[in-house]
PDB file of N, CA and C in Angstrom:
ATOM      1  N   UNK A   1     -10.108   4.029  16.056  1.00  0.00           N
ATOM      2  CA  UNK A   1     -10.108   3.145  14.917  1.00  0.00           C
ATOM      3  C   UNK A   1      -8.880   2.246  14.983  1.00  0.00           C
ATOM      4  N   UNK A   2      -9.071   0.986  14.798  1.00  0.00           N
ATOM      5  CA  UNK A   2      -7.993   0.017  14.786  1.00  0.00           C
ATOM      6  C   UNK A   2      -7.578  -0.262  13.339  1.00  0.00           C
ATOM      7  N   UNK A   3      -6.288  -0.197  13.073  1.00  0.00           N
ATOM      8  CA  UNK A   3      -5.779  -0.453  11.730  1.00  0.00           C
ATOM      9  C   UNK A   3      -5.204  -1.855  11.688  1.00  0.00           C
ATOM     10  N   UNK A   4      -5.626  -2.631  10.706  1.00  0.00           N
ATOM     11  CA  UNK A   4      -5.067  -3.964  10.502  1.00  0.00           C
ATOM     12  C   UNK A   4      -4.059  -3.884   9.361  1.00  0.00           C
ATOM     13  N   UNK A   5      -2.897  -4.478   9.576  1.00  0.00           N
ATOM     14  CA  UNK A   5      -1.830  -4.447   8.584  1.00  0.00           C
ATOM     15  C   UNK A   5      -1.699  -5.800   7.915  1.00  0.00           C
ATOM     16  N   UNK A   6      -1.483  -5.775   6.592  1.00  0.00           N
ATOM     17  CA  UNK A   6      -1.258  -7.021   5.862  1.00  0.00           C
ATOM     18  C   UNK A   6       0.224  -7.379   5.844  1.00  0.00           C
ATOM     19  N   UNK A   7       1.088  -6.395   6.145  1.00  0.00           N
ATOM     20  CA  UNK A   7       2.532  -6.640   6.156  1.00  0.00           C
ATOM     21  C   UNK A   7       3.233  -5.514   6.904  1.00  0.00           C
ATOM     22  N   UNK A   8       4.490  -5.772   7.270  1.00  0.00           N
ATOM     23  CA  UNK A   8       5.355  -4.765   7.885  1.00  0.00           C
ATOM     24  C   UNK A   8       6.707  -4.819   7.202  1.00  0.00           C
ATOM     25  N   UNK A   9       7.357  -3.649   7.083  1.00  0.00           N
ATOM     26  CA  UNK A   9       8.710  -3.654   6.534  1.00  0.00           C
ATOM     27  C   UNK A   9       9.509  -2.471   7.074  1.00  0.00           C
ATOM     28  N   UNK A  10      10.824  -2.618   7.027  1.00  0.00           N
ATOM     29  CA  UNK A  10      11.748  -1.570   7.455  1.00  0.00           C
ATOM     30  C   UNK A  10      12.407  -0.975   6.229  1.00  0.00           C
ATOM     31  N   UNK A  11      12.535   0.366   6.217  1.00  0.00           N
ATOM     32  CA  UNK A  11      13.275   1.028   5.155  1.00  0.00           C
ATOM     33  C   UNK A  11      14.137   2.124   5.773  1.00  0.00           C
ATOM     34  N   UNK A  12      15.173   2.516   5.061  1.00  0.00           N
ATOM     35  CA  UNK A  12      16.085   3.548   5.539  1.00  0.00           C
ATOM     36  C   UNK A  12      15.592   4.922   5.118  1.00  0.00           C
ATOM     37  N   UNK A  13      15.772   5.890   5.994  1.00  0.00           N
ATOM     38  CA  UNK A  13      15.451   7.270   5.665  1.00  0.00           C
ATOM     39  C   UNK A  13      16.302   7.693   4.474  1.00  0.00           C
ATOM     40  N   UNK A  14      15.712   8.372   3.527  1.00  0.00           N
ATOM     41  CA  UNK A  14      16.416   8.801   2.323  1.00  0.00           C
ATOM     42  C   UNK A  14      16.180   7.904   1.131  1.00  0.00           C
ATOM     43  N   UNK A  15      15.620   6.717   1.358  1.00  0.00           N
ATOM     44  CA  UNK A  15      15.326   5.823   0.242  1.00  0.00           C
ATOM     45  C   UNK A  15      14.082   6.295  -0.507  1.00  0.00           C
ATOM     46  N   UNK A  16      14.106   6.093  -1.792  1.00  0.00           N
ATOM     47  CA  UNK A  16      12.938   6.260  -2.651  1.00  0.00           C
ATOM     48  C   UNK A  16      12.764   4.907  -3.316  1.00  0.00           C
ATOM     49  N   UNK A  17      11.725   4.179  -2.918  1.00  0.00           N
ATOM     50  CA  UNK A  17      11.620   2.780  -3.334  1.00  0.00           C
ATOM     51  C   UNK A  17      10.224   2.442  -3.846  1.00  0.00           C
ATOM     52  N   UNK A  18      10.201   1.407  -4.690  1.00  0.00           N
ATOM     53  CA  UNK A  18       8.943   0.811  -5.126  1.00  0.00           C
ATOM     54  C   UNK A  18       8.528  -0.216  -4.084  1.00  0.00           C
ATOM     55  N   UNK A  19       7.294  -0.160  -3.659  1.00  0.00           N
ATOM     56  CA  UNK A  19       6.749  -1.201  -2.793  1.00  0.00           C
ATOM     57  C   UNK A  19       5.623  -1.858  -3.582  1.00  0.00           C
ATOM     58  N   UNK A  20       5.787  -3.153  -3.800  1.00  0.00           N
ATOM     59  CA  UNK A  20       4.835  -3.901  -4.610  1.00  0.00           C
ATOM     60  C   UNK A  20       4.051  -4.851  -3.721  1.00  0.00           C
ATOM     61  N   UNK A  21       2.779  -4.972  -4.028  1.00  0.00           N
ATOM     62  CA  UNK A  21       1.902  -5.859  -3.273  1.00  0.00           C
ATOM     63  C   UNK A  21       1.119  -6.717  -4.259  1.00  0.00           C
ATOM     64  N   UNK A  22       1.088  -8.011  -3.998  1.00  0.00           N
ATOM     65  CA  UNK A  22       0.307  -8.922  -4.831  1.00  0.00           C
ATOM     66  C   UNK A  22      -1.036  -9.149  -4.161  1.00  0.00           C
ATOM     67  N   UNK A  23      -2.104  -8.913  -4.908  1.00  0.00           N
ATOM     68  CA  UNK A  23      -3.463  -9.071  -4.398  1.00  0.00           C
ATOM     69  C   UNK A  23      -3.914 -10.506  -4.688  1.00  0.00           C
ATOM     70  N   UNK A  24      -4.315 -11.213  -3.616  1.00  0.00           N
ATOM     71  CA  UNK A  24      -4.791 -12.592  -3.738  1.00  0.00           C
ATOM     72  C   UNK A  24      -6.085 -12.747  -2.960  1.00  0.00           C
ATOM     73  N   UNK A  25      -6.986 -13.590  -3.450  1.00  0.00           N
ATOM     74  CA  UNK A  25      -8.197 -13.869  -2.665  1.00  0.00           C
ATOM     75  C   UNK A  25      -7.829 -14.527  -1.336  1.00  0.00           C
ATOM     76  N   UNK A  26      -8.533 -14.174  -0.255  1.00  0.00           N
ATOM     77  CA  UNK A  26      -8.259 -14.761   1.058  1.00  0.00           C
ATOM     78  C   UNK A  26      -8.522 -16.256   1.089  1.00  0.00           C
ATOM     79  N   UNK A  27      -9.427 -16.721   0.228  1.00  0.00           N
ATOM     80  CA  UNK A  27      -9.772 -18.146   0.219  1.00  0.00           C
ATOM     81  C   UNK A  27      -8.705 -19.002  -0.454  1.00  0.00           C
ATOM     82  N   UNK A  28      -7.643 -18.337  -1.028  1.00  0.00           N
ATOM     83  CA  UNK A  28      -6.532 -19.025  -1.685  1.00  0.00           C
ATOM     84  C   UNK A  28      -6.962 -19.831  -2.912  1.00  0.00           C
ATOM     85  N   UNK A  29      -8.125 -19.550  -3.465  1.00  0.00           N
ATOM     86  CA  UNK A  29      -8.575 -20.215  -4.694  1.00  0.00           C
ATOM     87  C   UNK A  29      -8.221 -19.349  -5.886  1.00  0.00           C
ATOM     88  N   UNK A  30      -8.149 -19.979  -7.048  1.00  0.00           N
ATOM     89  CA  UNK A  30      -7.819 -19.255  -8.269  1.00  0.00           C
ATOM     90  C   UNK A  30      -9.096 -18.665  -8.856  1.00  0.00           C
ATOM     91  N   UNK A  31      -9.484 -17.504  -8.344  1.00  0.00           N
ATOM     92  CA  UNK A  31     -10.696 -16.823  -8.778  1.00  0.00           C
ATOM     93  C   UNK A  31     -10.281 -15.706  -9.743  1.00  0.00           C
ATOM     94  N   UNK A  32     -10.862 -15.660 -10.943  1.00  0.00           N
ATOM     95  CA  UNK A  32     -10.466 -14.597 -11.881  1.00  0.00           C
ATOM     96  C   UNK A  32     -10.979 -13.223 -11.417  1.00  0.00           C
ATOM     97  N   UNK A  33     -10.100 -12.229 -11.459  1.00  0.00           N
ATOM     98  CA  UNK A  33     -10.483 -10.857 -11.139  1.00  0.00           C
ATOM     99  C   UNK A  33      -9.483  -9.910 -11.775  1.00  0.00           C
ATOM    100  N   UNK A  34      -9.875  -8.665 -11.907  1.00  0.00           N
ATOM    101  CA  UNK A  34      -8.991  -7.638 -12.451  1.00  0.00           C
ATOM    102  C   UNK A  34      -9.019  -6.425 -11.535  1.00  0.00           C
ATOM    103  N   UNK A  35      -7.858  -5.844 -11.297  1.00  0.00           N
ATOM    104  CA  UNK A  35      -7.765  -4.597 -10.532  1.00  0.00           C
ATOM    105  C   UNK A  35      -7.964  -3.464 -11.532  1.00  0.00           C
ATOM    106  N   UNK A  36      -9.050  -2.716 -11.364  1.00  0.00           N
ATOM    107  CA  UNK A  36      -9.402  -1.669 -12.326  1.00  0.00           C
ATOM    108  C   UNK A  36      -8.652  -0.366 -12.082  1.00  0.00           C
ATOM    109  N   UNK A  37      -8.405  -0.033 -10.822  1.00  0.00           N
ATOM    110  CA  UNK A  37      -7.771   1.234 -10.469  1.00  0.00           C
ATOM    111  C   UNK A  37      -7.089   1.050  -9.120  1.00  0.00           C
ATOM    112  N   UNK A  38      -5.964   1.739  -8.906  1.00  0.00           N
ATOM    113  CA  UNK A  38      -5.268   1.641  -7.615  1.00  0.00           C
ATOM    114  C   UNK A  38      -4.528   2.939  -7.338  1.00  0.00           C
ATOM    115  N   UNK A  39      -4.564   3.339  -6.071  1.00  0.00           N
ATOM    116  CA  UNK A  39      -3.841   4.526  -5.629  1.00  0.00           C
ATOM    117  C   UNK A  39      -3.257   4.233  -4.242  1.00  0.00           C
ATOM    118  N   UNK A  40      -2.391   5.133  -3.773  1.00  0.00           N
ATOM    119  CA  UNK A  40      -1.803   4.941  -2.450  1.00  0.00           C
ATOM    120  C   UNK A  40      -1.866   6.232  -1.663  1.00  0.00           C
ATOM    121  N   UNK A  41      -1.788   6.090  -0.347  1.00  0.00           N
ATOM    122  CA  UNK A  41      -1.612   7.212   0.573  1.00  0.00           C
ATOM    123  C   UNK A  41      -0.504   6.827   1.543  1.00  0.00           C
ATOM    124  N   UNK A  42       0.441   7.731   1.750  1.00  0.00           N
ATOM    125  CA  UNK A  42       1.518   7.518   2.710  1.00  0.00           C
ATOM    126  C   UNK A  42       1.225   8.409   3.910  1.00  0.00           C
ATOM    127  N   UNK A  43       0.922   7.785   5.050  1.00  0.00           N
ATOM    128  CA  UNK A  43       0.454   8.494   6.238  1.00  0.00           C
ATOM    129  C   UNK A  43       1.508   8.384   7.336  1.00  0.00           C
ATOM    130  N   UNK A  44       1.902   9.529   7.897  1.00  0.00           N
ATOM    131  CA  UNK A  44       2.950   9.522   8.925  1.00  0.00           C
ATOM    132  C   UNK A  44       2.387   9.174  10.302  1.00  0.00           C
ATOM    133  N   UNK A  45       3.255   9.147  11.300  1.00  0.00           N
ATOM    134  CA  UNK A  45       2.873   8.764  12.659  1.00  0.00           C
ATOM    135  C   UNK A  45       1.896   9.709  13.327  1.00  0.00           C
ATOM    136  N   UNK A  46       1.738  10.921  12.799  1.00  0.00           N
ATOM    137  CA  UNK A  46       0.768  11.886  13.331  1.00  0.00           C
ATOM    138  C   UNK A  46      -0.558  11.820  12.588  1.00  0.00           C
ATOM    139  N   UNK A  47      -0.721  10.799  11.766  1.00  0.00           N
ATOM    140  CA  UNK A  47      -1.927  10.592  10.944  1.00  0.00           C
ATOM    141  C   UNK A  47      -2.108  11.654   9.863  1.00  0.00           C
ATOM    142  N   UNK A  48      -1.001  12.296   9.468  1.00  0.00           N
ATOM    143  CA  UNK A  48      -1.048  13.266   8.375  1.00  0.00           C
ATOM    144  C   UNK A  48      -0.604  12.599   7.078  1.00  0.00           C
ATOM    145  N   UNK A  49      -1.314  12.883   5.989  1.00  0.00           N
ATOM    146  CA  UNK A  49      -0.940  12.305   4.706  1.00  0.00           C
ATOM    147  C   UNK A  49       0.263  13.066   4.152  1.00  0.00           C
ATOM    148  N   UNK A  50       1.380  12.370   4.031  1.00  0.00           N
ATOM    149  CA  UNK A  50       2.609  12.978   3.541  1.00  0.00           C
ATOM    150  C   UNK A  50       2.689  12.936   2.015  1.00  0.00           C
ATOM    151  N   UNK A  51       2.105  11.897   1.417  1.00  0.00           N
ATOM    152  CA  UNK A  51       2.174  11.737  -0.028  1.00  0.00           C
ATOM    153  C   UNK A  51       0.992  10.879  -0.473  1.00  0.00           C
ATOM    154  N   UNK A  52       0.650  10.987  -1.736  1.00  0.00           N
ATOM    155  CA  UNK A  52      -0.383  10.138  -2.327  1.00  0.00           C
ATOM    156  C   UNK A  52      -0.161  10.118  -3.823  1.00  0.00           C
ATOM    157  N   UNK A  53      -0.771   9.155  -4.495  1.00  0.00           N
ATOM    158  CA  UNK A  53      -0.615   9.079  -5.943  1.00  0.00           C
ATOM    159  C   UNK A  53      -1.230   7.828  -6.503  1.00  0.00           C
ATOM    160  N   UNK A  54      -1.062   7.682  -7.804  1.00  0.00           N
ATOM    161  CA  UNK A  54      -1.557   6.515  -8.515  1.00  0.00           C
ATOM    162  C   UNK A  54      -0.546   5.382  -8.420  1.00  0.00           C
ATOM    163  N   UNK A  55      -1.047   4.165  -8.405  1.00  0.00           N
ATOM    164  CA  UNK A  55      -0.196   2.984  -8.421  1.00  0.00           C
ATOM    165  C   UNK A  55      -0.144   2.419  -9.836  1.00  0.00           C
ATOM    166  N   UNK A  56       0.956   1.772 -10.154  1.00  0.00           N
ATOM    167  CA  UNK A  56       1.039   0.985 -11.378  1.00  0.00           C
ATOM    168  C   UNK A  56       0.395  -0.367 -11.103  1.00  0.00           C
ATOM    169  N   UNK A  57      -0.304  -0.892 -12.086  1.00  0.00           N
ATOM    170  CA  UNK A  57      -0.959  -2.195 -11.949  1.00  0.00           C
ATOM    171  C   UNK A  57      -0.423  -3.105 -13.044  1.00  0.00           C
ATOM    172  N   UNK A  58       0.083  -4.271 -12.636  1.00  0.00           N
ATOM    173  CA  UNK A  58       0.520  -5.301 -13.572  1.00  0.00           C
ATOM    174  C   UNK A  58      -0.116  -6.610 -13.133  1.00  0.00           C
ATOM    175  N   UNK A  59      -1.152  -7.031 -13.848  1.00  0.00           N
ATOM    176  CA  UNK A  59      -1.873  -8.234 -13.445  1.00  0.00           C
ATOM    177  C   UNK A  59      -2.499  -8.032 -12.082  1.00  0.00           C
ATOM    178  N   UNK A  60      -2.058  -8.827 -11.097  1.00  0.00           N
ATOM    179  CA  UNK A  60      -2.574  -8.730  -9.729  1.00  0.00           C
ATOM    180  C   UNK A  60      -1.584  -8.036  -8.792  1.00  0.00           C
ATOM    181  N   UNK A  61      -0.599  -7.329  -9.364  1.00  0.00           N
ATOM    182  CA  UNK A  61       0.404  -6.633  -8.570  1.00  0.00           C
ATOM    183  C   UNK A  61       0.162  -5.125  -8.617  1.00  0.00           C
ATOM    184  N   UNK A  62       0.211  -4.490  -7.434  1.00  0.00           N
ATOM    185  CA  UNK A  62       0.076  -3.043  -7.294  1.00  0.00           C
ATOM    186  C   UNK A  62       1.435  -2.503  -6.866  1.00  0.00           C
ATOM    187  N   UNK A  63       1.885  -1.417  -7.495  1.00  0.00           N
ATOM    188  CA  UNK A  63       3.218  -0.864  -7.259  1.00  0.00           C
ATOM    189  C   UNK A  63       3.111   0.625  -6.937  1.00  0.00           C
ATOM    190  N   UNK A  64       3.646   1.016  -5.766  1.00  0.00           N
ATOM    191  CA  UNK A  64       3.691   2.421  -5.357  1.00  0.00           C
ATOM    192  C   UNK A  64       5.149   2.831  -5.183  1.00  0.00           C
ATOM    193  N   UNK A  65       5.505   4.007  -5.677  1.00  0.00           N
ATOM    194  CA  UNK A  65       6.845   4.562  -5.498  1.00  0.00           C
ATOM    195  C   UNK A  65       6.761   5.600  -4.378  1.00  0.00           C
ATOM    196  N   UNK A  66       7.488   5.338  -3.274  1.00  0.00           N
ATOM    197  CA  UNK A  66       7.401   6.227  -2.100  1.00  0.00           C
ATOM    198  C   UNK A  66       8.783   6.697  -1.662  1.00  0.00           C
ATOM    199  N   UNK A  67       8.790   7.822  -0.936  1.00  0.00           N
ATOM    200  CA  UNK A  67      10.021   8.377  -0.367  1.00  0.00           C
ATOM    201  C   UNK A  67       9.668   9.094   0.935  1.00  0.00           C
ATOM    202  N   UNK A  68       9.546   8.340   2.055  1.00  0.00           N
ATOM    203  CA  UNK A  68       9.226   8.984   3.339  1.00  0.00           C
ATOM    204  C   UNK A  68      10.251  10.064   3.684  1.00  0.00           C
ATOM    205  N   UNK A  69       9.771  11.166   4.278  1.00  0.00           N
ATOM    206  CA  UNK A  69      10.613  12.338   4.515  1.00  0.00           C
ATOM    207  C   UNK A  69      11.197  12.438   5.926  1.00  0.00           C
ATOM    208  N   UNK A  70      10.781  11.569   6.850  1.00  0.00           N
ATOM    209  CA  UNK A  70      11.302  11.649   8.217  1.00  0.00           C
ATOM    210  C   UNK A  70      11.284  10.265   8.849  1.00  0.00           C
ATOM    211  N   UNK A  71      12.077  10.050   9.898  1.00  0.00           N
ATOM    212  CA  UNK A  71      12.060   8.748  10.562  1.00  0.00           C
ATOM    213  C   UNK A  71      10.769   8.555  11.357  1.00  0.00           C
ATOM    214  N   UNK A  72      10.406   7.301  11.572  1.00  0.00           N
ATOM    215  CA  UNK A  72       9.223   6.986  12.369  1.00  0.00           C
ATOM    216  C   UNK A  72       8.399   5.885  11.739  1.00  0.00           C
ATOM    217  N   UNK A  73       7.178   5.734  12.246  1.00  0.00           N
ATOM    218  CA  UNK A  73       6.253   4.711  11.767  1.00  0.00           C
ATOM    219  C   UNK A  73       5.292   5.349  10.765  1.00  0.00           C
ATOM    220  N   UNK A  74       5.171   4.727   9.627  1.00  0.00           N
ATOM    221  CA  UNK A  74       4.258   5.175   8.583  1.00  0.00           C
ATOM    222  C   UNK A  74       3.252   4.077   8.270  1.00  0.00           C
ATOM    223  N   UNK A  75       2.166   4.485   7.634  1.00  0.00           N
ATOM    224  CA  UNK A  75       1.199   3.538   7.094  1.00  0.00           C
ATOM    225  C   UNK A  75       1.104   3.800   5.596  1.00  0.00           C
ATOM    226  N   UNK A  76       1.421   2.784   4.806  1.00  0.00           N
ATOM    227  CA  UNK A  76       1.212   2.845   3.365  1.00  0.00           C
ATOM    228  C   UNK A  76      -0.135   2.198   3.099  1.00  0.00           C
ATOM    229  N   UNK A  77      -1.039   2.984   2.577  1.00  0.00           N
ATOM    230  CA  UNK A  77      -2.412   2.534   2.376  1.00  0.00           C
ATOM    231  C   UNK A  77      -2.667   2.376   0.878  1.00  0.00           C
ATOM    232  N   UNK A  78      -2.940   1.126   0.448  1.00  0.00           N
ATOM    233  CA  UNK A  78      -3.336   0.848  -0.930  1.00  0.00           C
ATOM    234  C   UNK A  78      -4.857   0.884  -1.001  1.00  0.00           C
ATOM    235  N   UNK A  79      -5.395   1.596  -1.956  1.00  0.00           N
ATOM    236  CA  UNK A  79      -6.842   1.661  -2.170  1.00  0.00           C
ATOM    237  C   UNK A  79      -7.073   1.238  -3.620  1.00  0.00           C
ATOM    238  N   UNK A  80      -7.809   0.159  -3.817  1.00  0.00           N
ATOM    239  CA  UNK A  80      -7.948  -0.355  -5.176  1.00  0.00           C
ATOM    240  C   UNK A  80      -9.357  -0.888  -5.438  1.00  0.00           C
ATOM    241  N   UNK A  81      -9.718  -0.857  -6.726  1.00  0.00           N
ATOM    242  CA  UNK A  81     -11.055  -1.262  -7.169  1.00  0.00           C
ATOM    243  C   UNK A  81     -10.993  -2.607  -7.872  1.00  0.00           C
ATOM    244  N   UNK A  82     -11.862  -3.512  -7.411  1.00  0.00           N
ATOM    245  CA  UNK A  82     -12.060  -4.801  -8.074  1.00  0.00           C
ATOM    246  C   UNK A  82     -13.561  -4.947  -8.257  1.00  0.00           C
ATOM    247  N   UNK A  83     -13.972  -5.111  -9.524  1.00  0.00           N
ATOM    248  CA  UNK A  83     -15.400  -5.168  -9.868  1.00  0.00           C
ATOM    249  C   UNK A  83     -16.084  -3.918  -9.324  1.00  0.00           C
ATOM    250  N   UNK A  84     -17.149  -4.071  -8.539  1.00  0.00           N
ATOM    251  CA  UNK A  84     -17.849  -2.900  -7.991  1.00  0.00           C
ATOM    252  C   UNK A  84     -17.474  -2.635  -6.538  1.00  0.00           C
ATOM    253  N   UNK A  85     -16.358  -3.214  -6.075  1.00  0.00           N
ATOM    254  CA  UNK A  85     -15.930  -3.051  -4.688  1.00  0.00           C
ATOM    255  C   UNK A  85     -14.657  -2.214  -4.610  1.00  0.00           C
ATOM    256  N   UNK A  86     -14.469  -1.564  -3.470  1.00  0.00           N
ATOM    257  CA  UNK A  86     -13.238  -0.834  -3.169  1.00  0.00           C
ATOM    258  C   UNK A  86     -12.579  -1.526  -1.980  1.00  0.00           C
ATOM    259  N   UNK A  87     -11.324  -1.912  -2.140  1.00  0.00           N
ATOM    260  CA  UNK A  87     -10.570  -2.607  -1.102  1.00  0.00           C
ATOM    261  C   UNK A  87      -9.457  -1.695  -0.594  1.00  0.00           C
ATOM    262  N   UNK A  88      -9.087  -1.876   0.679  1.00  0.00           N
ATOM    263  CA  UNK A  88      -8.005  -1.108   1.292  1.00  0.00           C
ATOM    264  C   UNK A  88      -7.093  -2.077   2.037  1.00  0.00           C
ATOM    265  N   UNK A  89      -5.793  -2.002   1.744  1.00  0.00           N
ATOM    266  CA  UNK A  89      -4.779  -2.774   2.465  1.00  0.00           C
ATOM    267  C   UNK A  89      -3.774  -1.794   3.057  1.00  0.00           C
ATOM    268  N   UNK A  90      -3.280  -2.101   4.248  1.00  0.00           N
ATOM    269  CA  UNK A  90      -2.323  -1.249   4.948  1.00  0.00           C
ATOM    270  C   UNK A  90      -1.014  -2.007   5.176  1.00  0.00           C
ATOM    271  N   UNK A  91       0.096  -1.319   4.940  1.00  0.00           N
ATOM    272  CA  UNK A  91       1.410  -1.862   5.220  1.00  0.00           C
ATOM    273  C   UNK A  91       2.077  -0.929   6.226  1.00  0.00           C
ATOM    274  N   UNK A  92       2.603  -1.491   7.311  1.00  0.00           N
ATOM    275  CA  UNK A  92       3.303  -0.690   8.327  1.00  0.00           C
ATOM    276  C   UNK A  92       4.766  -0.559   7.895  1.00  0.00           C
ATOM    277  N   UNK A  93       5.229   0.692   7.837  1.00  0.00           N
ATOM    278  CA  UNK A  93       6.615   0.973   7.468  1.00  0.00           C
ATOM    279  C   UNK A  93       7.335   1.579   8.657  1.00  0.00           C
ATOM    280  N   UNK A  94       8.498   1.038   8.959  1.00  0.00           N
ATOM    281  CA  UNK A  94       9.371   1.610   9.982  1.00  0.00           C
ATOM    282  C   UNK A  94      10.516   2.271   9.232  1.00  0.00           C
ATOM    283  N   UNK A  95      10.590   3.590   9.334  1.00  0.00           N
ATOM    284  CA  UNK A  95      11.601   4.358   8.621  1.00  0.00           C
ATOM    285  C   UNK A  95      12.650   4.822   9.621  1.00  0.00           C
ATOM    286  N   UNK A  96      13.901   4.464   9.376  1.00  0.00           N
ATOM    287  CA  UNK A  96      14.960   4.829  10.302  1.00  0.00           C
ATOM    288  C   UNK A  96      16.245   5.141   9.607  1.00  0.00           C
TER     289      UNK A  96
END
């Protein structure tokens, strides 16, 4: 399975941080929508889920509070509902 990332970021080991993502239509048009529900999964380099939880939603912004436990490459996976669809976005995290 190939994972596509919408963003990449570096964080320091020991940090507990909010990572916020703004959801926008790919067509860049102002289309009205509401995010009904959002959660996250923090997946380590061995494909094991280290953490998961609910995200805060403010308008079109999704916010996850994470604290990776070891150095390496992680995948922060946002899973959110818009209308009758479920969307998934991945962010690559380099923890060092």
